[in-house]
């Protein structure tokens, strides 16, 4: 699966932005401003938060981002045979360092294949 991610790396680099910082510096909280600006200026953009733990999901929700665990997101996609369109969707993936390579590859492939 990682070979697919490497093979399609150009898809991700053209559509991804990574924000990195130490724990507690306010990366998730700062996204409140970005979410509000998007809601005000681009109401057609759907913001979806994903995280590996319920605690991280709660943090995203506290920042005003409708969120769910990555496991529940992938389960829903399997149940729907991956037929959801993500056009005009911004995914906010929190605590990405806690996501295993296989899960991250599945997540990114699913998102980009349905964009």
PDB file of N, CA and C in Angstrom:
ATOM      1  N   UNK A   1       0.822  -1.189   0.000  1.00  0.00           N
ATOM      2  CA  UNK A   1       0.000   0.000   0.000  1.00  0.00           C
ATOM      3  C   UNK A   1       0.870   1.258   0.000  1.00  0.00           C
ATOM      4  N   UNK A   2       1.980   1.232   0.698  1.00  0.00           N
ATOM      5  CA  UNK A   2       2.847   2.406   0.712  1.00  0.00           C
ATOM      6  C   UNK A   2       3.410   2.699  -0.669  1.00  0.00           C
ATOM      7  N   UNK A   3       3.603   1.651  -1.487  1.00  0.00           N
ATOM      8  CA  UNK A   3       4.069   1.894  -2.847  1.00  0.00           C
ATOM      9  C   UNK A   3       3.076   2.750  -3.614  1.00  0.00           C
ATOM     10  N   UNK A   4       1.782   2.530  -3.397  1.00  0.00           N
ATOM     11  CA  UNK A   4       0.754   3.352  -4.038  1.00  0.00           C
ATOM     12  C   UNK A   4       0.868   4.796  -3.592  1.00  0.00           C
ATOM     13  N   UNK A   5       1.115   5.007  -2.314  1.00  0.00           N
ATOM     14  CA  UNK A   5       1.244   6.372  -1.804  1.00  0.00           C
ATOM     15  C   UNK A   5       2.454   7.037  -2.436  1.00  0.00           C
ATOM     16  N   UNK A   6       3.573   6.332  -2.476  1.00  0.00           N
ATOM     17  CA  UNK A   6       4.781   6.885  -3.073  1.00  0.00           C
ATOM     18  C   UNK A   6       4.567   7.152  -4.558  1.00  0.00           C
ATOM     19  N   UNK A   7       3.942   6.207  -5.241  1.00  0.00           N
ATOM     20  CA  UNK A   7       3.687   6.334  -6.676  1.00  0.00           C
ATOM     21  C   UNK A   7       2.817   7.545  -6.983  1.00  0.00           C
ATOM     22  N   UNK A   8       1.859   7.837  -6.113  1.00  0.00           N
ATOM     23  CA  UNK A   8       0.928   8.937  -6.333  1.00  0.00           C
ATOM     24  C   UNK A   8       1.262  10.161  -5.484  1.00  0.00           C
ATOM     25  N   UNK A   9       2.504  10.304  -5.101  1.00  0.00           N
ATOM     26  CA  UNK A   9       2.892  11.393  -4.202  1.00  0.00           C
ATOM     27  C   UNK A   9       2.542  12.762  -4.767  1.00  0.00           C
ATOM     28  N   UNK A  10       2.593  12.901  -6.075  1.00  0.00           N
ATOM     29  CA  UNK A  10       2.276  14.206  -6.662  1.00  0.00           C
ATOM     30  C   UNK A  10       0.835  14.602  -6.387  1.00  0.00           C
ATOM     31  N   UNK A  11      -0.061  13.632  -6.256  1.00  0.00           N
ATOM     32  CA  UNK A  11      -1.453  13.949  -5.930  1.00  0.00           C
ATOM     33  C   UNK A  11      -1.550  14.605  -4.566  1.00  0.00           C
ATOM     34  N   UNK A  12      -0.795  14.083  -3.618  1.00  0.00           N
ATOM     35  CA  UNK A  12      -0.872  14.595  -2.260  1.00  0.00           C
ATOM     36  C   UNK A  12      -0.168  15.936  -2.123  1.00  0.00           C
ATOM     37  N   UNK A  13       0.987  16.075  -2.754  1.00  0.00           N
ATOM     38  CA  UNK A  13       1.734  17.316  -2.595  1.00  0.00           C
ATOM     39  C   UNK A  13       0.995  18.494  -3.221  1.00  0.00           C
ATOM     40  N   UNK A  14       0.190  18.234  -4.221  1.00  0.00           N
ATOM     41  CA  UNK A  14      -0.550  19.312  -4.870  1.00  0.00           C
ATOM     42  C   UNK A  14      -1.784  19.717  -4.076  1.00  0.00           C
ATOM     43  N   UNK A  15      -2.204  18.868  -3.162  1.00  0.00           N
ATOM     44  CA  UNK A  15      -3.462  19.124  -2.474  1.00  0.00           C
ATOM     45  C   UNK A  15      -3.337  19.125  -0.959  1.00  0.00           C
ATOM     46  N   UNK A  16      -2.135  19.051  -0.437  1.00  0.00           N
ATOM     47  CA  UNK A  16      -1.962  18.915   1.006  1.00  0.00           C
ATOM     48  C   UNK A  16      -1.119  20.040   1.583  1.00  0.00           C
ATOM     49  N   UNK A  17      -1.448  20.389   2.787  1.00  0.00           N
ATOM     50  CA  UNK A  17      -0.672  21.359   3.545  1.00  0.00           C
ATOM     51  C   UNK A  17      -0.495  20.785   4.941  1.00  0.00           C
ATOM     52  N   UNK A  18       0.719  20.708   5.396  1.00  0.00           N
ATOM     53  CA  UNK A  18       1.003  20.166   6.719  1.00  0.00           C
ATOM     54  C   UNK A  18       1.393  21.306   7.653  1.00  0.00           C
ATOM     55  N   UNK A  19       0.841  21.286   8.846  1.00  0.00           N
ATOM     56  CA  UNK A  19       1.208  22.250   9.878  1.00  0.00           C
ATOM     57  C   UNK A  19       1.783  21.450  11.032  1.00  0.00           C
ATOM     58  N   UNK A  20       3.014  21.760  11.396  1.00  0.00           N
ATOM     59  CA  UNK A  20       3.704  21.011  12.428  1.00  0.00           C
ATOM     60  C   UNK A  20       4.087  21.949  13.557  1.00  0.00           C
ATOM     61  N   UNK A  21       3.985  21.454  14.771  1.00  0.00           N
ATOM     62  CA  UNK A  21       4.386  22.249  15.922  1.00  0.00           C
ATOM     63  C   UNK A  21       4.372  21.403  17.176  1.00  0.00           C
ATOM     64  N   UNK A  22       4.996  21.896  18.196  1.00  0.00           N
ATOM     65  CA  UNK A  22       5.033  21.176  19.464  1.00  0.00           C
ATOM     66  C   UNK A  22       3.638  21.068  20.065  1.00  0.00           C
ATOM     67  N   UNK A  23       3.466  20.083  20.930  1.00  0.00           N
ATOM     68  CA  UNK A  23       2.188  19.892  21.617  1.00  0.00           C
ATOM     69  C   UNK A  23       1.851  21.136  22.432  1.00  0.00           C
ATOM     70  N   UNK A  24       0.599  21.536  22.346  1.00  0.00           N
ATOM     71  CA  UNK A  24       0.122  22.637  23.173  1.00  0.00           C
ATOM     72  C   UNK A  24       0.370  24.035  22.642  1.00  0.00           C
ATOM     73  N   UNK A  25       0.924  24.166  21.434  1.00  0.00           N
ATOM     74  CA  UNK A  25       1.192  25.513  20.917  1.00  0.00           C
ATOM     75  C   UNK A  25      -0.031  26.148  20.264  1.00  0.00           C
ATOM     76  N   UNK A  26      -1.091  25.378  20.067  1.00  0.00           N
ATOM     77  CA  UNK A  26      -2.338  25.951  19.558  1.00  0.00           C
ATOM     78  C   UNK A  26      -2.631  25.711  18.094  1.00  0.00           C
ATOM     79  N   UNK A  27      -2.062  24.657  17.512  1.00  0.00           N
ATOM     80  CA  UNK A  27      -2.306  24.373  16.093  1.00  0.00           C
ATOM     81  C   UNK A  27      -3.794  24.171  15.825  1.00  0.00           C
ATOM     82  N   UNK A  28      -4.431  23.336  16.608  1.00  0.00           N
ATOM     83  CA  UNK A  28      -5.857  23.049  16.409  1.00  0.00           C
ATOM     84  C   UNK A  28      -6.704  24.258  16.746  1.00  0.00           C
ATOM     85  N   UNK A  29      -6.404  24.916  17.842  1.00  0.00           N
ATOM     86  CA  UNK A  29      -7.170  26.096  18.246  1.00  0.00           C
ATOM     87  C   UNK A  29      -7.061  27.196  17.199  1.00  0.00           C
ATOM     88  N   UNK A  30      -5.881  27.388  16.640  1.00  0.00           N
ATOM     89  CA  UNK A  30      -5.685  28.422  15.622  1.00  0.00           C
ATOM     90  C   UNK A  30      -6.538  28.162  14.388  1.00  0.00           C
ATOM     91  N   UNK A  31      -6.879  26.907  14.163  1.00  0.00           N
ATOM     92  CA  UNK A  31      -7.670  26.593  12.980  1.00  0.00           C
ATOM     93  C   UNK A  31      -9.079  27.166  13.066  1.00  0.00           C
ATOM     94  N   UNK A  32      -9.512  27.572  14.252  1.00  0.00           N
ATOM     95  CA  UNK A  32     -10.821  28.236  14.379  1.00  0.00           C
ATOM     96  C   UNK A  32     -10.912  29.424  13.426  1.00  0.00           C
ATOM     97  N   UNK A  33      -9.845  30.203  13.342  1.00  0.00           N
ATOM     98  CA  UNK A  33      -9.813  31.379  12.475  1.00  0.00           C
ATOM     99  C   UNK A  33      -9.913  30.976  11.010  1.00  0.00           C
ATOM    100  N   UNK A  34      -9.189  29.938  10.634  1.00  0.00           N
ATOM    101  CA  UNK A  34      -9.230  29.452   9.253  1.00  0.00           C
ATOM    102  C   UNK A  34     -10.626  28.940   8.919  1.00  0.00           C
ATOM    103  N   UNK A  35     -11.206  28.161   9.817  1.00  0.00           N
ATOM    104  CA  UNK A  35     -12.550  27.618   9.594  1.00  0.00           C
ATOM    105  C   UNK A  35     -13.572  28.739   9.454  1.00  0.00           C
ATOM    106  N   UNK A  36     -13.469  29.758  10.296  1.00  0.00           N
ATOM    107  CA  UNK A  36     -14.408  30.879  10.226  1.00  0.00           C
ATOM    108  C   UNK A  36     -14.254  31.634   8.909  1.00  0.00           C
ATOM    109  N   UNK A  37     -13.017  31.853   8.480  1.00  0.00           N
ATOM    110  CA  UNK A  37     -12.776  32.542   7.207  1.00  0.00           C
ATOM    111  C   UNK A  37     -13.336  31.739   6.038  1.00  0.00           C
ATOM    112  N   UNK A  38     -13.156  30.432   6.080  1.00  0.00           N
ATOM    113  CA  UNK A  38     -13.721  29.595   5.021  1.00  0.00           C
ATOM    114  C   UNK A  38     -15.242  29.635   5.040  1.00  0.00           C
ATOM    115  N   UNK A  39     -15.825  29.542   6.221  1.00  0.00           N
ATOM    116  CA  UNK A  39     -17.287  29.593   6.325  1.00  0.00           C
ATOM    117  C   UNK A  39     -17.832  30.920   5.812  1.00  0.00           C
ATOM    118  N   UNK A  40     -17.123  32.010   6.083  1.00  0.00           N
ATOM    119  CA  UNK A  40     -17.572  33.336   5.655  1.00  0.00           C
ATOM    120  C   UNK A  40     -17.380  33.569   4.155  1.00  0.00           C
ATOM    121  N   UNK A  41     -16.250  33.105   3.622  1.00  0.00           N
ATOM    122  CA  UNK A  41     -15.884  33.424   2.243  1.00  0.00           C
ATOM    123  C   UNK A  41     -16.109  32.299   1.240  1.00  0.00           C
ATOM    124  N   UNK A  42     -16.148  31.084   1.718  1.00  0.00           N
ATOM    125  CA  UNK A  42     -16.347  29.935   0.831  1.00  0.00           C
ATOM    126  C   UNK A  42     -17.325  28.956   1.473  1.00  0.00           C
ATOM    127  N   UNK A  43     -18.592  29.338   1.571  1.00  0.00           N
ATOM    128  CA  UNK A  43     -19.570  28.453   2.210  1.00  0.00           C
ATOM    129  C   UNK A  43     -19.764  27.135   1.463  1.00  0.00           C
ATOM    130  N   UNK A  44     -19.255  27.052   0.224  1.00  0.00           N
ATOM    131  CA  UNK A  44     -19.346  25.814  -0.545  1.00  0.00           C
ATOM    132  C   UNK A  44     -18.313  24.780  -0.102  1.00  0.00           C
ATOM    133  N   UNK A  45     -17.345  25.176   0.712  1.00  0.00           N
ATOM    134  CA  UNK A  45     -16.311  24.255   1.179  1.00  0.00           C
ATOM    135  C   UNK A  45     -16.773  23.575   2.465  1.00  0.00           C
ATOM    136  N   UNK A  46     -16.725  22.254   2.449  1.00  0.00           N
ATOM    137  CA  UNK A  46     -17.084  21.445   3.609  1.00  0.00           C
ATOM    138  C   UNK A  46     -15.804  21.113   4.379  1.00  0.00           C
ATOM    139  N   UNK A  47     -15.773  21.390   5.669  1.00  0.00           N
ATOM    140  CA  UNK A  47     -14.604  21.090   6.497  1.00  0.00           C
ATOM    141  C   UNK A  47     -14.902  19.834   7.307  1.00  0.00           C
ATOM    142  N   UNK A  48     -14.013  18.846   7.190  1.00  0.00           N
ATOM    143  CA  UNK A  48     -14.169  17.571   7.890  1.00  0.00           C
ATOM    144  C   UNK A  48     -12.924  17.336   8.731  1.00  0.00           C
ATOM    145  N   UNK A  49     -13.105  17.131  10.021  1.00  0.00           N
ATOM    146  CA  UNK A  49     -11.996  16.834  10.909  1.00  0.00           C
ATOM    147  C   UNK A  49     -11.882  15.341  11.147  1.00  0.00           C
ATOM    148  N   UNK A  50     -10.664  14.843  11.127  1.00  0.00           N
ATOM    149  CA  UNK A  50     -10.395  13.434  11.386  1.00  0.00           C
ATOM    150  C   UNK A  50      -9.240  13.332  12.373  1.00  0.00           C
ATOM    151  N   UNK A  51      -9.344  12.381  13.277  1.00  0.00           N
ATOM    152  CA  UNK A  51      -8.288  12.185  14.271  1.00  0.00           C
ATOM    153  C   UNK A  51      -8.300  10.727  14.728  1.00  0.00           C
ATOM    154  N   UNK A  52      -7.180  10.246  15.246  1.00  0.00           N
ATOM    155  CA  UNK A  52      -7.109   8.846  15.660  1.00  0.00           C
ATOM    156  C   UNK A  52      -7.780   8.548  17.002  1.00  0.00           C
ATOM    157  N   UNK A  53      -8.004   9.567  17.821  1.00  0.00           N
ATOM    158  CA  UNK A  53      -8.587   9.332  19.149  1.00  0.00           C
ATOM    159  C   UNK A  53      -9.806  10.219  19.372  1.00  0.00           C
ATOM    160  N   UNK A  54     -10.654   9.783  20.293  1.00  0.00           N
ATOM    161  CA  UNK A  54     -11.829  10.587  20.626  1.00  0.00           C
ATOM    162  C   UNK A  54     -11.422  11.905  21.290  1.00  0.00           C
ATOM    163  N   UNK A  55     -10.338  11.885  22.055  1.00  0.00           N
ATOM    164  CA  UNK A  55      -9.867  13.120  22.684  1.00  0.00           C
ATOM    165  C   UNK A  55      -9.495  14.155  21.619  1.00  0.00           C
ATOM    166  N   UNK A  56      -8.787  13.725  20.590  1.00  0.00           N
ATOM    167  CA  UNK A  56      -8.405  14.641  19.513  1.00  0.00           C
ATOM    168  C   UNK A  56      -9.630  15.086  18.718  1.00  0.00           C
ATOM    169  N   UNK A  57     -10.602  14.192  18.528  1.00  0.00           N
ATOM    170  CA  UNK A  57     -11.860  14.562  17.862  1.00  0.00           C
ATOM    171  C   UNK A  57     -12.556  15.655  18.660  1.00  0.00           C
ATOM    172  N   UNK A  58     -12.592  15.499  19.981  1.00  0.00           N
ATOM    173  CA  UNK A  58     -13.222  16.513  20.836  1.00  0.00           C
ATOM    174  C   UNK A  58     -12.517  17.861  20.722  1.00  0.00           C
ATOM    175  N   UNK A  59     -11.202  17.855  20.591  1.00  0.00           N
ATOM    176  CA  UNK A  59     -10.448  19.101  20.424  1.00  0.00           C
ATOM    177  C   UNK A  59     -10.813  19.786  19.104  1.00  0.00           C
ATOM    178  N   UNK A  60     -10.927  18.997  18.045  1.00  0.00           N
ATOM    179  CA  UNK A  60     -11.332  19.560  16.755  1.00  0.00           C
ATOM    180  C   UNK A  60     -12.740  20.135  16.837  1.00  0.00           C
ATOM    181  N   UNK A  61     -13.631  19.409  17.493  1.00  0.00           N
ATOM    182  CA  UNK A  61     -15.004  19.894  17.630  1.00  0.00           C
ATOM    183  C   UNK A  61     -15.052  21.172  18.458  1.00  0.00           C
ATOM    184  N   UNK A  62     -14.187  21.277  19.457  1.00  0.00           N
ATOM    185  CA  UNK A  62     -14.115  22.501  20.261  1.00  0.00           C
ATOM    186  C   UNK A  62     -13.642  23.686  19.416  1.00  0.00           C
ATOM    187  N   UNK A  63     -12.905  23.383  18.343  1.00  0.00           N
ATOM    188  CA  UNK A  63     -12.453  24.429  17.422  1.00  0.00           C
ATOM    189  C   UNK A  63     -13.500  24.706  16.344  1.00  0.00           C
ATOM    190  N   UNK A  64     -14.661  24.070  16.466  1.00  0.00           N
ATOM    191  CA  UNK A  64     -15.750  24.323  15.528  1.00  0.00           C
ATOM    192  C   UNK A  64     -15.704  23.499  14.255  1.00  0.00           C
ATOM    193  N   UNK A  65     -14.986  22.384  14.290  1.00  0.00           N
ATOM    194  CA  UNK A  65     -14.838  21.534  13.113  1.00  0.00           C
ATOM    195  C   UNK A  65     -15.595  20.228  13.338  1.00  0.00           C
ATOM    196  N   UNK A  66     -16.576  19.954  12.488  1.00  0.00           N
ATOM    197  CA  UNK A  66     -17.309  18.691  12.567  1.00  0.00           C
ATOM    198  C   UNK A  66     -16.305  17.565  12.340  1.00  0.00           C
ATOM    199  N   UNK A  67     -16.209  16.631  13.299  1.00  0.00           N
ATOM    200  CA  UNK A  67     -15.124  15.655  13.274  1.00  0.00           C
ATOM    201  C   UNK A  67     -15.580  14.267  13.679  1.00  0.00           C
ATOM    202  N   UNK A  68     -14.736  13.298  13.334  1.00  0.00           N
ATOM    203  CA  UNK A  68     -14.949  11.920  13.753  1.00  0.00           C
ATOM    204  C   UNK A  68     -13.602  11.215  13.770  1.00  0.00           C
ATOM    205  N   UNK A  69     -13.577  10.019  14.366  1.00  0.00           N
ATOM    206  CA  UNK A  69     -12.323   9.273  14.373  1.00  0.00           C
ATOM    207  C   UNK A  69     -12.036   8.754  12.965  1.00  0.00           C
ATOM    208  N   UNK A  70     -10.780   8.531  12.708  1.00  0.00           N
ATOM    209  CA  UNK A  70     -10.376   7.988  11.413  1.00  0.00           C
ATOM    210  C   UNK A  70     -10.978   6.605  11.221  1.00  0.00           C
ATOM    211  N   UNK A  71     -11.003   5.807  12.289  1.00  0.00           N
ATOM    212  CA  UNK A  71     -11.573   4.460  12.192  1.00  0.00           C
ATOM    213  C   UNK A  71     -13.041   4.508  11.790  1.00  0.00           C
ATOM    214  N   UNK A  72     -13.818   5.402  12.388  1.00  0.00           N
ATOM    215  CA  UNK A  72     -15.239   5.476  12.038  1.00  0.00           C
ATOM    216  C   UNK A  72     -15.425   6.020  10.624  1.00  0.00           C
ATOM    217  N   UNK A  73     -14.581   6.958  10.212  1.00  0.00           N
ATOM    218  CA  UNK A  73     -14.639   7.501   8.851  1.00  0.00           C
ATOM    219  C   UNK A  73     -14.392   6.394   7.831  1.00  0.00           C
ATOM    220  N   UNK A  74     -13.330   5.613   8.039  1.00  0.00           N
ATOM    221  CA  UNK A  74     -13.008   4.539   7.099  1.00  0.00           C
ATOM    222  C   UNK A  74     -14.077   3.452   7.106  1.00  0.00           C
ATOM    223  N   UNK A  75     -14.647   3.150   8.264  1.00  0.00           N
ATOM    224  CA  UNK A  75     -15.715   2.153   8.338  1.00  0.00           C
ATOM    225  C   UNK A  75     -16.925   2.614   7.528  1.00  0.00           C
ATOM    226  N   UNK A  76     -17.302   3.877   7.665  1.00  0.00           N
ATOM    227  CA  UNK A  76     -18.418   4.416   6.878  1.00  0.00           C
ATOM    228  C   UNK A  76     -18.125   4.320   5.388  1.00  0.00           C
ATOM    229  N   UNK A  77     -16.901   4.600   5.002  1.00  0.00           N
ATOM    230  CA  UNK A  77     -16.545   4.553   3.587  1.00  0.00           C
ATOM    231  C   UNK A  77     -16.606   3.126   3.060  1.00  0.00           C
ATOM    232  N   UNK A  78     -16.157   2.150   3.866  1.00  0.00           N
ATOM    233  CA  UNK A  78     -16.252   0.744   3.459  1.00  0.00           C
ATOM    234  C   UNK A  78     -17.715   0.342   3.296  1.00  0.00           C
ATOM    235  N   UNK A  79     -18.556   0.770   4.217  1.00  0.00           N
ATOM    236  CA  UNK A  79     -19.976   0.425   4.155  1.00  0.00           C
ATOM    237  C   UNK A  79     -20.653   1.055   2.948  1.00  0.00           C
ATOM    238  N   UNK A  80     -20.173   2.212   2.507  1.00  0.00           N
ATOM    239  CA  UNK A  80     -20.745   2.898   1.342  1.00  0.00           C
ATOM    240  C   UNK A  80     -19.974   2.597   0.061  1.00  0.00           C
ATOM    241  N   UNK A  81     -19.087   1.606   0.123  1.00  0.00           N
ATOM    242  CA  UNK A  81     -18.266   1.232  -1.030  1.00  0.00           C
ATOM    243  C   UNK A  81     -17.480   2.412  -1.597  1.00  0.00           C
ATOM    244  N   UNK A  82     -17.026   3.293  -0.726  1.00  0.00           N
ATOM    245  CA  UNK A  82     -16.170   4.425  -1.102  1.00  0.00           C
ATOM    246  C   UNK A  82     -16.796   5.303  -2.182  1.00  0.00           C
ATOM    247  N   UNK A  83     -18.089   5.494  -2.163  1.00  0.00           N
ATOM    248  CA  UNK A  83     -18.772   6.258  -3.208  1.00  0.00           C
ATOM    249  C   UNK A  83     -19.056   7.708  -2.821  1.00  0.00           C
ATOM    250  N   UNK A  84     -18.486   8.195  -1.767  1.00  0.00           N
ATOM    251  CA  UNK A  84     -18.703   9.572  -1.350  1.00  0.00           C
ATOM    252  C   UNK A  84     -17.780  10.504  -2.126  1.00  0.00           C
ATOM    253  N   UNK A  85     -18.315  11.609  -2.605  1.00  0.00           N
ATOM    254  CA  UNK A  85     -17.498  12.604  -3.303  1.00  0.00           C
ATOM    255  C   UNK A  85     -16.968  13.623  -2.294  1.00  0.00           C
ATOM    256  N   UNK A  86     -15.703  13.986  -2.449  1.00  0.00           N
ATOM    257  CA  UNK A  86     -15.089  14.968  -1.557  1.00  0.00           C
ATOM    258  C   UNK A  86     -14.746  16.257  -2.287  1.00  0.00           C
ATOM    259  N   UNK A  87     -15.474  16.540  -3.349  1.00  0.00           N
ATOM    260  CA  UNK A  87     -15.256  17.797  -4.053  1.00  0.00           C
ATOM    261  C   UNK A  87     -15.557  18.938  -3.084  1.00  0.00           C
ATOM    262  N   UNK A  88     -14.708  19.951  -3.077  1.00  0.00           N
ATOM    263  CA  UNK A  88     -14.854  21.111  -2.183  1.00  0.00           C
ATOM    264  C   UNK A  88     -14.849  20.721  -0.709  1.00  0.00           C
ATOM    265  N   UNK A  89     -14.045  19.725  -0.370  1.00  0.00           N
ATOM    266  CA  UNK A  89     -13.931  19.296   1.022  1.00  0.00           C
ATOM    267  C   UNK A  89     -12.504  19.518   1.501  1.00  0.00           C
ATOM    268  N   UNK A  90     -12.379  20.141   2.656  1.00  0.00           N
ATOM    269  CA  UNK A  90     -11.087  20.336   3.305  1.00  0.00           C
ATOM    270  C   UNK A  90     -11.022  19.381   4.487  1.00  0.00           C
ATOM    271  N   UNK A  91     -10.054  18.487   4.475  1.00  0.00           N
ATOM    272  CA  UNK A  91      -9.863  17.555   5.582  1.00  0.00           C
ATOM    273  C   UNK A  91      -8.804  18.106   6.526  1.00  0.00           C
ATOM    274  N   UNK A  92      -9.134  18.133   7.793  1.00  0.00           N
ATOM    275  CA  UNK A  92      -8.193  18.510   8.841  1.00  0.00           C
ATOM    276  C   UNK A  92      -7.892  17.232   9.606  1.00  0.00           C
ATOM    277  N   UNK A  93      -6.663  16.747   9.491  1.00  0.00           N
ATOM    278  CA  UNK A  93      -6.263  15.510  10.157  1.00  0.00           C
ATOM    279  C   UNK A  93      -5.369  15.892  11.321  1.00  0.00           C
ATOM    280  N   UNK A  94      -5.883  15.668  12.526  1.00  0.00           N
ATOM    281  CA  UNK A  94      -5.156  16.051  13.736  1.00  0.00           C
ATOM    282  C   UNK A  94      -4.417  14.841  14.295  1.00  0.00           C
ATOM    283  N   UNK A  95      -3.341  15.104  15.009  1.00  0.00           N
ATOM    284  CA  UNK A  95      -2.534  14.068  15.655  1.00  0.00           C
ATOM    285  C   UNK A  95      -2.080  13.005  14.653  1.00  0.00           C
ATOM    286  N   UNK A  96      -1.609  13.449  13.498  1.00  0.00           N
ATOM    287  CA  UNK A  96      -1.227  12.512  12.440  1.00  0.00           C
ATOM    288  C   UNK A  96      -0.049  11.620  12.827  1.00  0.00           C
ATOM    289  N   UNK A  97       0.762  12.049  13.779  1.00  0.00           N
ATOM    290  CA  UNK A  97       1.891  11.211  14.200  1.00  0.00           C
ATOM    291  C   UNK A  97       1.426   9.944  14.906  1.00  0.00           C
ATOM    292  N   UNK A  98       0.162   9.903  15.306  1.00  0.00           N
ATOM    293  CA  UNK A  98      -0.388   8.727  15.982  1.00  0.00           C
ATOM    294  C   UNK A  98      -1.034   7.739  15.005  1.00  0.00           C
ATOM    295  N   UNK A  99      -1.014   8.063  13.718  1.00  0.00           N
ATOM    296  CA  UNK A  99      -1.655   7.226  12.709  1.00  0.00           C
ATOM    297  C   UNK A  99      -0.602   6.320  12.081  1.00  0.00           C
ATOM    298  N   UNK A 100      -0.879   5.031  12.027  1.00  0.00           N
ATOM    299  CA  UNK A 100       0.039   4.090  11.393  1.00  0.00           C
ATOM    300  C   UNK A 100       0.116   4.306   9.887  1.00  0.00           C
ATOM    301  N   UNK A 101       1.203   3.851   9.285  1.00  0.00           N
ATOM    302  CA  UNK A 101       1.414   4.043   7.850  1.00  0.00           C
ATOM    303  C   UNK A 101       0.311   3.423   7.003  1.00  0.00           C
ATOM    304  N   UNK A 102      -0.112   2.217   7.355  1.00  0.00           N
ATOM    305  CA  UNK A 102      -1.149   1.528   6.573  1.00  0.00           C
ATOM    306  C   UNK A 102      -2.466   2.302   6.631  1.00  0.00           C
ATOM    307  N   UNK A 103      -2.843   2.750   7.815  1.00  0.00           N
ATOM    308  CA  UNK A 103      -4.090   3.510   7.968  1.00  0.00           C
ATOM    309  C   UNK A 103      -4.000   4.841   7.243  1.00  0.00           C
ATOM    310  N   UNK A 104      -2.873   5.518   7.369  1.00  0.00           N
ATOM    311  CA  UNK A 104      -2.700   6.801   6.687  1.00  0.00           C
ATOM    312  C   UNK A 104      -2.768   6.630   5.172  1.00  0.00           C
ATOM    313  N   UNK A 105      -2.139   5.579   4.656  1.00  0.00           N
ATOM    314  CA  UNK A 105      -2.185   5.316   3.217  1.00  0.00           C
ATOM    315  C   UNK A 105      -3.617   5.063   2.763  1.00  0.00           C
ATOM    316  N   UNK A 106      -4.356   4.255   3.508  1.00  0.00           N
ATOM    317  CA  UNK A 106      -5.755   3.979   3.161  1.00  0.00           C
ATOM    318  C   UNK A 106      -6.580   5.265   3.187  1.00  0.00           C
ATOM    319  N   UNK A 107      -6.360   6.072   4.198  1.00  0.00           N
ATOM    320  CA  UNK A 107      -7.095   7.330   4.338  1.00  0.00           C
ATOM    321  C   UNK A 107      -6.805   8.273   3.165  1.00  0.00           C
ATOM    322  N   UNK A 108      -5.537   8.486   2.862  1.00  0.00           N
ATOM    323  CA  UNK A 108      -5.165   9.406   1.787  1.00  0.00           C
ATOM    324  C   UNK A 108      -5.620   8.908   0.418  1.00  0.00           C
ATOM    325  N   UNK A 109      -5.498   7.615   0.184  1.00  0.00           N
ATOM    326  CA  UNK A 109      -5.967   7.067  -1.093  1.00  0.00           C
ATOM    327  C   UNK A 109      -7.471   7.239  -1.235  1.00  0.00           C
ATOM    328  N   UNK A 110      -8.205   6.997  -0.155  1.00  0.00           N
ATOM    329  CA  UNK A 110      -9.658   7.151  -0.199  1.00  0.00           C
ATOM    330  C   UNK A 110     -10.057   8.592  -0.471  1.00  0.00           C
ATOM    331  N   UNK A 111      -9.411   9.511   0.194  1.00  0.00           N
ATOM    332  CA  UNK A 111      -9.747  10.931   0.024  1.00  0.00           C
ATOM    333  C   UNK A 111      -9.420  11.396  -1.392  1.00  0.00           C
ATOM    334  N   UNK A 112      -8.227  11.073  -1.881  1.00  0.00           N
ATOM    335  CA  UNK A 112      -7.828  11.565  -3.202  1.00  0.00           C
ATOM    336  C   UNK A 112      -8.575  10.861  -4.328  1.00  0.00           C
ATOM    337  N   UNK A 113      -8.902   9.594  -4.160  1.00  0.00           N
ATOM    338  CA  UNK A 113      -9.644   8.876  -5.199  1.00  0.00           C
ATOM    339  C   UNK A 113     -11.068   9.391  -5.345  1.00  0.00           C
ATOM    340  N   UNK A 114     -11.592  10.043  -4.328  1.00  0.00           N
ATOM    341  CA  UNK A 114     -12.973  10.518  -4.357  1.00  0.00           C
ATOM    342  C   UNK A 114     -13.070  12.040  -4.393  1.00  0.00           C
ATOM    343  N   UNK A 115     -11.960  12.704  -4.678  1.00  0.00           N
ATOM    344  CA  UNK A 115     -11.954  14.175  -4.709  1.00  0.00           C
ATOM    345  C   UNK A 115     -12.634  14.704  -5.953  1.00  0.00           C
TER     346      UNK A 115
END
